[in-house]
Amino acid sequence: MKIDVIDPPDGIDVSGFKASVIEVFSGENKTGNYVNVVFLARDDLRLMKKEYFEMDVFTDVIAFNLNDPGETIEGEIYLSHEQILENAISFNTKPKDELFRVLIHGCLHLCGYEDDTQTLKEQMTNLENQYMRKLKDRMDNGNV
């Protein structure tokens, strides 16, 4: 699978990002042709949220499946590093942990998960926690 990380902020471990995408897809028994992970400014991601989802709010991640259902995944994940850093402060988490959690969240969307109800949101949060635990040892040792 081809994974490109576009415009990452300084200090972002691109190889760790790629490994995380592969971990989630593998864990969900999904295959992918390609995934682009694109970093955008907070305001740019807000405009995308307004244009594509008719919601004028700041967000940390938006994911788009570009494939038809049942086909190999082709997708894009857009991240706002600024918003992720703000979230880390709000949730009292390490910025790196929050960054990987949001990436995992985007990957789960590409795998077909939704979070538009409380039940679905809880399901996604449980999966995020599961993948964070899998990646935690590697993250702490600098391998992700």
N, C-alpha and C. Protein backbone atom coordinates (compact mmCIF):
# COMPACT_ATOMS: atom_id res chain seq x y z
N MET A 1 0.85 -1.17 0.00
CA MET A 1 0.00 0.00 0.00
C MET A 1 0.90 1.23 0.00
N LYS A 2 0.52 2.19 -0.79
CA LYS A 2 1.27 3.46 -0.87
C LYS A 2 0.67 4.43 0.15
N ILE A 3 1.51 4.97 1.00
CA ILE A 3 1.08 5.94 2.01
C ILE A 3 1.97 7.16 1.88
N ASP A 4 1.36 8.29 1.60
CA ASP A 4 2.10 9.55 1.53
C ASP A 4 1.65 10.45 2.67
N VAL A 5 2.61 11.10 3.31
CA VAL A 5 2.33 12.09 4.35
C VAL A 5 2.76 13.43 3.77
N ILE A 6 1.79 14.30 3.60
CA ILE A 6 2.00 15.56 2.87
C ILE A 6 2.02 16.74 3.85
N ASP A 7 3.06 17.54 3.76
CA ASP A 7 3.26 18.74 4.58
C ASP A 7 3.25 18.48 6.08
N PRO A 8 3.97 17.44 6.53
CA PRO A 8 4.00 17.20 7.98
C PRO A 8 4.75 18.31 8.70
N PRO A 9 4.29 18.69 9.89
CA PRO A 9 5.03 19.68 10.68
C PRO A 9 6.39 19.11 11.07
N ASP A 10 7.32 19.98 11.39
CA ASP A 10 8.64 19.54 11.84
C ASP A 10 8.50 18.61 13.03
N GLY A 11 9.30 17.57 13.04
CA GLY A 11 9.33 16.65 14.16
C GLY A 11 8.36 15.49 14.06
N ILE A 12 7.54 15.46 13.01
CA ILE A 12 6.59 14.36 12.84
C ILE A 12 7.33 13.15 12.27
N ASP A 13 7.14 11.99 12.91
CA ASP A 13 7.76 10.75 12.49
C ASP A 13 6.92 10.12 11.38
N VAL A 14 7.30 10.40 10.14
CA VAL A 14 6.53 9.93 8.98
C VAL A 14 6.49 8.41 8.93
N SER A 15 7.58 7.75 9.26
CA SER A 15 7.58 6.27 9.23
C SER A 15 6.62 5.72 10.27
N GLY A 16 6.51 6.38 11.41
CA GLY A 16 5.56 5.97 12.44
C GLY A 16 4.12 6.14 11.99
N PHE A 17 3.87 7.20 11.24
CA PHE A 17 2.54 7.42 10.69
C PHE A 17 2.18 6.27 9.75
N LYS A 18 3.10 5.95 8.86
CA LYS A 18 2.84 4.88 7.90
C LYS A 18 2.61 3.55 8.61
N ALA A 19 3.41 3.26 9.63
CA ALA A 19 3.25 2.02 10.39
C ALA A 19 1.89 1.98 11.08
N SER A 20 1.42 3.11 11.57
CA SER A 20 0.13 3.17 12.25
C SER A 20 -1.02 2.91 11.28
N VAL A 21 -0.95 3.49 10.10
CA VAL A 21 -1.98 3.25 9.08
C VAL A 21 -2.04 1.75 8.76
N ILE A 22 -0.89 1.16 8.55
CA ILE A 22 -0.82 -0.27 8.23
C ILE A 22 -1.38 -1.10 9.39
N GLU A 23 -1.05 -0.73 10.61
CA GLU A 23 -1.54 -1.46 11.80
C GLU A 23 -3.07 -1.46 11.85
N VAL A 24 -3.68 -0.31 11.64
CA VAL A 24 -5.15 -0.23 11.69
C VAL A 24 -5.77 -1.03 10.54
N PHE A 25 -5.27 -0.84 9.33
CA PHE A 25 -5.84 -1.57 8.20
C PHE A 25 -5.70 -3.07 8.41
N SER A 26 -4.55 -3.51 8.87
CA SER A 26 -4.31 -4.93 9.12
C SER A 26 -5.26 -5.44 10.20
N GLY A 27 -5.39 -4.69 11.28
CA GLY A 27 -6.26 -5.09 12.38
C GLY A 27 -7.72 -5.17 11.99
N GLU A 28 -8.11 -4.38 11.00
CA GLU A 28 -9.50 -4.37 10.52
C GLU A 28 -9.68 -5.26 9.29
N ASN A 29 -8.63 -6.01 8.95
CA ASN A 29 -8.66 -6.90 7.77
C ASN A 29 -9.05 -6.16 6.49
N LYS A 30 -8.45 -5.00 6.32
CA LYS A 30 -8.69 -4.17 5.13
C LYS A 30 -7.41 -4.07 4.33
N THR A 31 -7.56 -3.93 3.04
CA THR A 31 -6.41 -3.68 2.19
C THR A 31 -6.58 -2.30 1.55
N GLY A 32 -5.47 -1.72 1.23
CA GLY A 32 -5.52 -0.39 0.65
C GLY A 32 -4.59 -0.26 -0.53
N ASN A 33 -5.02 0.52 -1.52
CA ASN A 33 -4.14 0.88 -2.63
C ASN A 33 -3.25 2.04 -2.19
N TYR A 34 -3.90 3.08 -1.65
CA TYR A 34 -3.13 4.23 -1.18
C TYR A 34 -3.93 5.02 -0.16
N VAL A 35 -3.19 5.71 0.70
CA VAL A 35 -3.74 6.66 1.65
C VAL A 35 -2.82 7.86 1.65
N ASN A 36 -3.41 9.03 1.48
CA ASN A 36 -2.68 10.28 1.63
C ASN A 36 -3.06 10.88 2.97
N VAL A 37 -2.07 11.22 3.78
CA VAL A 37 -2.29 11.91 5.04
C VAL A 37 -1.78 13.33 4.81
N VAL A 38 -2.71 14.29 4.87
CA VAL A 38 -2.40 15.66 4.50
C VAL A 38 -2.59 16.58 5.71
N PHE A 39 -1.55 17.32 6.05
CA PHE A 39 -1.65 18.31 7.12
C PHE A 39 -2.08 19.65 6.52
N LEU A 40 -3.09 20.24 7.13
CA LEU A 40 -3.61 21.54 6.70
C LEU A 40 -3.68 22.48 7.90
N ALA A 41 -3.74 23.76 7.61
CA ALA A 41 -3.95 24.76 8.65
C ALA A 41 -5.35 24.58 9.23
N ARG A 42 -5.50 24.96 10.47
CA ARG A 42 -6.77 24.83 11.19
C ARG A 42 -7.93 25.47 10.43
N ASP A 43 -7.72 26.67 9.91
CA ASP A 43 -8.77 27.36 9.18
C ASP A 43 -9.12 26.66 7.88
N ASP A 44 -8.13 26.09 7.21
CA ASP A 44 -8.40 25.37 5.96
C ASP A 44 -9.25 24.12 6.21
N LEU A 45 -8.96 23.41 7.30
CA LEU A 45 -9.74 22.23 7.62
C LEU A 45 -11.16 22.62 8.02
N ARG A 46 -11.29 23.74 8.69
CA ARG A 46 -12.63 24.25 9.04
C ARG A 46 -13.43 24.54 7.79
N LEU A 47 -12.80 25.14 6.78
CA LEU A 47 -13.50 25.41 5.53
C LEU A 47 -13.93 24.12 4.82
N MET A 48 -13.08 23.10 4.88
CA MET A 48 -13.45 21.80 4.30
C MET A 48 -14.65 21.20 5.03
N LYS A 49 -14.65 21.31 6.35
CA LYS A 49 -15.76 20.79 7.15
C LYS A 49 -17.06 21.50 6.77
N LYS A 50 -16.96 22.79 6.54
CA LYS A 50 -18.14 23.56 6.15
C LYS A 50 -18.60 23.18 4.74
N GLU A 51 -17.66 23.06 3.82
CA GLU A 51 -18.01 22.75 2.43
C GLU A 51 -18.58 21.35 2.26
N TYR A 52 -17.95 20.36 2.88
CA TYR A 52 -18.34 18.96 2.63
C TYR A 52 -19.34 18.41 3.63
N PHE A 53 -19.42 19.02 4.82
CA PHE A 53 -20.31 18.48 5.85
C PHE A 53 -21.31 19.50 6.36
N GLU A 54 -21.28 20.71 5.79
CA GLU A 54 -22.19 21.80 6.15
C GLU A 54 -22.17 22.09 7.65
N MET A 55 -20.96 22.02 8.22
CA MET A 55 -20.77 22.34 9.63
C MET A 55 -19.63 23.35 9.74
N ASP A 56 -19.93 24.51 10.29
CA ASP A 56 -18.93 25.56 10.41
C ASP A 56 -18.27 25.46 11.79
N VAL A 57 -17.39 24.45 11.92
CA VAL A 57 -16.71 24.20 13.20
C VAL A 57 -15.26 23.82 12.92
N PHE A 58 -14.42 24.05 13.91
CA PHE A 58 -13.05 23.57 13.83
C PHE A 58 -13.07 22.07 14.07
N THR A 59 -12.19 21.37 13.40
CA THR A 59 -12.08 19.92 13.57
C THR A 59 -10.61 19.53 13.50
N ASP A 60 -10.32 18.34 13.97
CA ASP A 60 -8.94 17.88 13.94
C ASP A 60 -8.67 16.93 12.78
N VAL A 61 -9.72 16.27 12.26
CA VAL A 61 -9.53 15.28 11.21
C VAL A 61 -10.77 15.19 10.32
N ILE A 62 -10.53 14.99 9.05
CA ILE A 62 -11.56 14.65 8.07
C ILE A 62 -10.97 13.55 7.21
N ALA A 63 -11.77 12.52 6.95
CA ALA A 63 -11.32 11.41 6.10
C ALA A 63 -12.30 11.22 4.95
N PHE A 64 -11.75 10.96 3.79
CA PHE A 64 -12.56 10.72 2.60
C PHE A 64 -12.17 9.40 1.97
N ASN A 65 -13.14 8.51 1.81
CA ASN A 65 -12.94 7.31 1.00
C ASN A 65 -13.12 7.70 -0.45
N LEU A 66 -12.18 7.34 -1.29
CA LEU A 66 -12.26 7.67 -2.71
C LEU A 66 -12.59 6.44 -3.54
N ASN A 67 -12.78 5.31 -2.86
CA ASN A 67 -13.11 4.07 -3.54
C ASN A 67 -14.61 3.78 -3.40
N ASP A 68 -15.10 2.88 -4.23
CA ASP A 68 -16.47 2.41 -4.09
C ASP A 68 -16.53 1.38 -2.97
N PRO A 69 -17.69 1.23 -2.32
CA PRO A 69 -17.81 0.23 -1.24
C PRO A 69 -17.39 -1.16 -1.73
N GLY A 70 -16.66 -1.86 -0.86
CA GLY A 70 -16.22 -3.21 -1.19
C GLY A 70 -14.92 -3.28 -1.97
N GLU A 71 -14.46 -2.14 -2.48
CA GLU A 71 -13.19 -2.11 -3.20
C GLU A 71 -12.04 -1.86 -2.23
N THR A 72 -10.84 -2.11 -2.71
CA THR A 72 -9.64 -1.80 -1.93
C THR A 72 -9.64 -0.32 -1.59
N ILE A 73 -9.26 -0.01 -0.36
CA ILE A 73 -9.36 1.37 0.13
C ILE A 73 -8.38 2.30 -0.59
N GLU A 74 -8.92 3.40 -1.01
CA GLU A 74 -8.17 4.54 -1.51
C GLU A 74 -8.75 5.74 -0.76
N GLY A 75 -7.90 6.46 -0.06
CA GLY A 75 -8.47 7.54 0.73
C GLY A 75 -7.50 8.62 1.10
N GLU A 76 -8.08 9.65 1.69
CA GLU A 76 -7.31 10.79 2.16
C GLU A 76 -7.74 11.14 3.58
N ILE A 77 -6.76 11.42 4.40
CA ILE A 77 -7.00 11.86 5.77
C ILE A 77 -6.38 13.25 5.91
N TYR A 78 -7.19 14.22 6.29
CA TYR A 78 -6.73 15.59 6.48
C TYR A 78 -6.67 15.86 7.98
N LEU A 79 -5.53 16.38 8.43
CA LEU A 79 -5.31 16.64 9.84
C LEU A 79 -4.94 18.11 10.06
N SER A 80 -5.41 18.65 11.17
CA SER A 80 -4.98 19.98 11.60
C SER A 80 -4.09 19.81 12.83
N HIS A 81 -2.80 20.01 12.64
CA HIS A 81 -1.86 19.87 13.75
C HIS A 81 -2.17 20.90 14.84
N GLU A 82 -2.55 22.09 14.43
CA GLU A 82 -2.90 23.14 15.41
C GLU A 82 -4.04 22.68 16.31
N GLN A 83 -5.08 22.12 15.71
CA GLN A 83 -6.24 21.69 16.48
C GLN A 83 -5.88 20.50 17.37
N ILE A 84 -5.06 19.61 16.85
CA ILE A 84 -4.62 18.44 17.63
C ILE A 84 -3.84 18.90 18.87
N LEU A 85 -2.99 19.90 18.71
CA LEU A 85 -2.24 20.43 19.86
C LEU A 85 -3.19 21.05 20.88
N GLU A 86 -4.20 21.76 20.41
CA GLU A 86 -5.20 22.33 21.32
C GLU A 86 -5.95 21.23 22.05
N ASN A 87 -6.30 20.17 21.31
CA ASN A 87 -7.00 19.03 21.92
C ASN A 87 -6.14 18.40 23.03
N ALA A 88 -4.85 18.26 22.76
CA ALA A 88 -3.96 17.65 23.75
C ALA A 88 -4.00 18.44 25.06
N ILE A 89 -4.03 19.75 24.95
CA ILE A 89 -4.14 20.58 26.16
C ILE A 89 -5.49 20.38 26.82
N SER A 90 -6.55 20.41 26.04
CA SER A 90 -7.91 20.25 26.58
C SER A 90 -8.12 18.90 27.25
N PHE A 91 -7.58 17.84 26.64
CA PHE A 91 -7.77 16.49 27.15
C PHE A 91 -6.65 16.04 28.08
N ASN A 92 -5.69 16.96 28.32
CA ASN A 92 -4.55 16.67 29.20
C ASN A 92 -3.81 15.40 28.76
N THR A 93 -3.50 15.33 27.46
CA THR A 93 -2.76 14.20 26.91
C THR A 93 -1.47 14.71 26.26
N LYS A 94 -0.56 13.81 26.00
CA LYS A 94 0.65 14.17 25.28
C LYS A 94 0.29 14.50 23.84
N PRO A 95 0.88 15.56 23.27
CA PRO A 95 0.59 15.90 21.88
C PRO A 95 0.81 14.74 20.92
N LYS A 96 1.87 13.97 21.13
CA LYS A 96 2.14 12.84 20.23
C LYS A 96 1.04 11.78 20.33
N ASP A 97 0.56 11.52 21.54
CA ASP A 97 -0.53 10.56 21.72
C ASP A 97 -1.79 11.05 21.01
N GLU A 98 -2.10 12.31 21.18
CA GLU A 98 -3.30 12.87 20.54
C GLU A 98 -3.18 12.82 19.02
N LEU A 99 -2.00 13.10 18.52
CA LEU A 99 -1.77 13.06 17.08
C LEU A 99 -2.03 11.66 16.53
N PHE A 100 -1.49 10.64 17.21
CA PHE A 100 -1.70 9.28 16.73
C PHE A 100 -3.14 8.82 16.92
N ARG A 101 -3.80 9.27 17.98
CA ARG A 101 -5.21 8.93 18.18
C ARG A 101 -6.06 9.48 17.03
N VAL A 102 -5.80 10.70 16.66
CA VAL A 102 -6.57 11.32 15.58
C VAL A 102 -6.28 10.63 14.24
N LEU A 103 -5.03 10.26 14.01
CA LEU A 103 -4.70 9.50 12.80
C LEU A 103 -5.45 8.17 12.78
N ILE A 104 -5.46 7.47 13.90
CA ILE A 104 -6.18 6.20 14.00
C ILE A 104 -7.66 6.42 13.72
N HIS A 105 -8.20 7.49 14.26
CA HIS A 105 -9.61 7.83 14.03
C HIS A 105 -9.89 7.98 12.53
N GLY A 106 -9.02 8.71 11.85
CA GLY A 106 -9.18 8.87 10.40
C GLY A 106 -9.10 7.55 9.66
N CYS A 107 -8.17 6.69 10.08
CA CYS A 107 -8.04 5.36 9.46
C CYS A 107 -9.30 4.54 9.66
N LEU A 108 -9.87 4.62 10.86
CA LEU A 108 -11.11 3.87 11.13
C LEU A 108 -12.25 4.35 10.25
N HIS A 109 -12.30 5.66 10.00
CA HIS A 109 -13.31 6.17 9.05
C HIS A 109 -13.09 5.55 7.66
N LEU A 110 -11.84 5.48 7.22
CA LEU A 110 -11.56 4.88 5.91
C LEU A 110 -11.95 3.40 5.89
N CYS A 111 -11.89 2.75 7.04
CA CYS A 111 -12.28 1.33 7.15
C CYS A 111 -13.79 1.15 7.22
N GLY A 112 -14.53 2.26 7.25
CA GLY A 112 -15.99 2.18 7.20
C GLY A 112 -16.72 2.51 8.48
N TYR A 113 -15.99 2.86 9.53
CA TYR A 113 -16.64 3.20 10.79
C TYR A 113 -17.16 4.63 10.75
N GLU A 114 -18.27 4.85 11.42
CA GLU A 114 -18.88 6.17 11.53
C GLU A 114 -18.98 6.54 13.01
N ASP A 115 -19.21 7.81 13.27
CA ASP A 115 -19.33 8.28 14.65
C ASP A 115 -20.42 9.32 14.81
N ASP A 116 -21.49 9.15 14.04
CA ASP A 116 -22.54 10.16 14.07
C ASP A 116 -23.64 9.90 15.10
N THR A 117 -23.51 8.84 15.89
CA THR A 117 -24.39 8.62 17.03
C THR A 117 -23.50 8.32 18.24
N GLN A 118 -24.06 8.42 19.43
CA GLN A 118 -23.28 8.16 20.64
C GLN A 118 -22.77 6.72 20.67
N THR A 119 -23.59 5.77 20.25
CA THR A 119 -23.19 4.37 20.24
C THR A 119 -22.03 4.14 19.28
N LEU A 120 -22.11 4.71 18.09
CA LEU A 120 -21.04 4.55 17.10
C LEU A 120 -19.77 5.26 17.56
N LYS A 121 -19.94 6.42 18.19
CA LYS A 121 -18.79 7.17 18.71
C LYS A 121 -18.07 6.35 19.78
N GLU A 122 -18.83 5.70 20.67
CA GLU A 122 -18.24 4.86 21.70
C GLU A 122 -17.50 3.67 21.08
N GLN A 123 -18.08 3.09 20.03
CA GLN A 123 -17.42 1.99 19.33
C GLN A 123 -16.08 2.43 18.76
N MET A 124 -16.07 3.59 18.12
CA MET A 124 -14.81 4.10 17.56
C MET A 124 -13.80 4.42 18.65
N THR A 125 -14.25 5.01 19.74
CA THR A 125 -13.34 5.32 20.84
C THR A 125 -12.72 4.05 21.40
N ASN A 126 -13.51 3.00 21.54
CA ASN A 126 -12.98 1.72 22.02
C ASN A 126 -11.92 1.17 21.06
N LEU A 127 -12.17 1.28 19.76
CA LEU A 127 -11.19 0.82 18.78
C LEU A 127 -9.93 1.69 18.81
N GLU A 128 -10.11 3.00 18.95
CA GLU A 128 -8.95 3.89 19.07
C GLU A 128 -8.10 3.48 20.27
N ASN A 129 -8.75 3.21 21.39
CA ASN A 129 -8.02 2.80 22.60
C ASN A 129 -7.27 1.49 22.36
N GLN A 130 -7.91 0.57 21.68
CA GLN A 130 -7.28 -0.71 21.37
C GLN A 130 -6.01 -0.50 20.54
N TYR A 131 -6.11 0.31 19.50
CA TYR A 131 -4.93 0.55 18.65
C TYR A 131 -3.88 1.39 19.36
N MET A 132 -4.30 2.31 20.22
CA MET A 132 -3.33 3.09 20.99
C MET A 132 -2.54 2.18 21.91
N ARG A 133 -3.20 1.20 22.52
CA ARG A 133 -2.48 0.26 23.40
C ARG A 133 -1.47 -0.55 22.59
N LYS A 134 -1.86 -0.97 21.38
CA LYS A 134 -0.95 -1.74 20.53
C LYS A 134 0.27 -0.91 20.15
N LEU A 135 0.04 0.37 19.89
CA LEU A 135 1.13 1.23 19.42
C LEU A 135 1.92 1.87 20.57
N LYS A 136 1.37 1.84 21.79
CA LYS A 136 1.96 2.58 22.90
C LYS A 136 3.42 2.20 23.17
N ASP A 137 3.69 0.90 23.23
CA ASP A 137 5.06 0.49 23.52
C ASP A 137 6.01 1.01 22.44
N ARG A 138 5.60 0.90 21.19
CA ARG A 138 6.45 1.39 20.11
C ARG A 138 6.60 2.90 20.17
N MET A 139 5.53 3.61 20.53
CA MET A 139 5.59 5.07 20.63
C MET A 139 6.55 5.48 21.74
N ASP A 140 6.44 4.82 22.89
CA ASP A 140 7.28 5.17 24.03
C ASP A 140 8.76 4.89 23.76
N ASN A 141 9.03 3.91 22.92
CA ASN A 141 10.42 3.57 22.60
C ASN A 141 10.93 4.29 21.36
N GLY A 142 10.12 5.22 20.84
CA GLY A 142 10.54 6.00 19.68
C GLY A 142 10.46 5.25 18.37
N ASN A 143 9.77 4.11 18.34
CA ASN A 143 9.67 3.32 17.12
C ASN A 143 8.43 3.68 16.31
N VAL A 144 7.62 4.56 16.79
CA VAL A 144 6.45 5.05 16.04
C VAL A 144 6.38 6.54 16.27
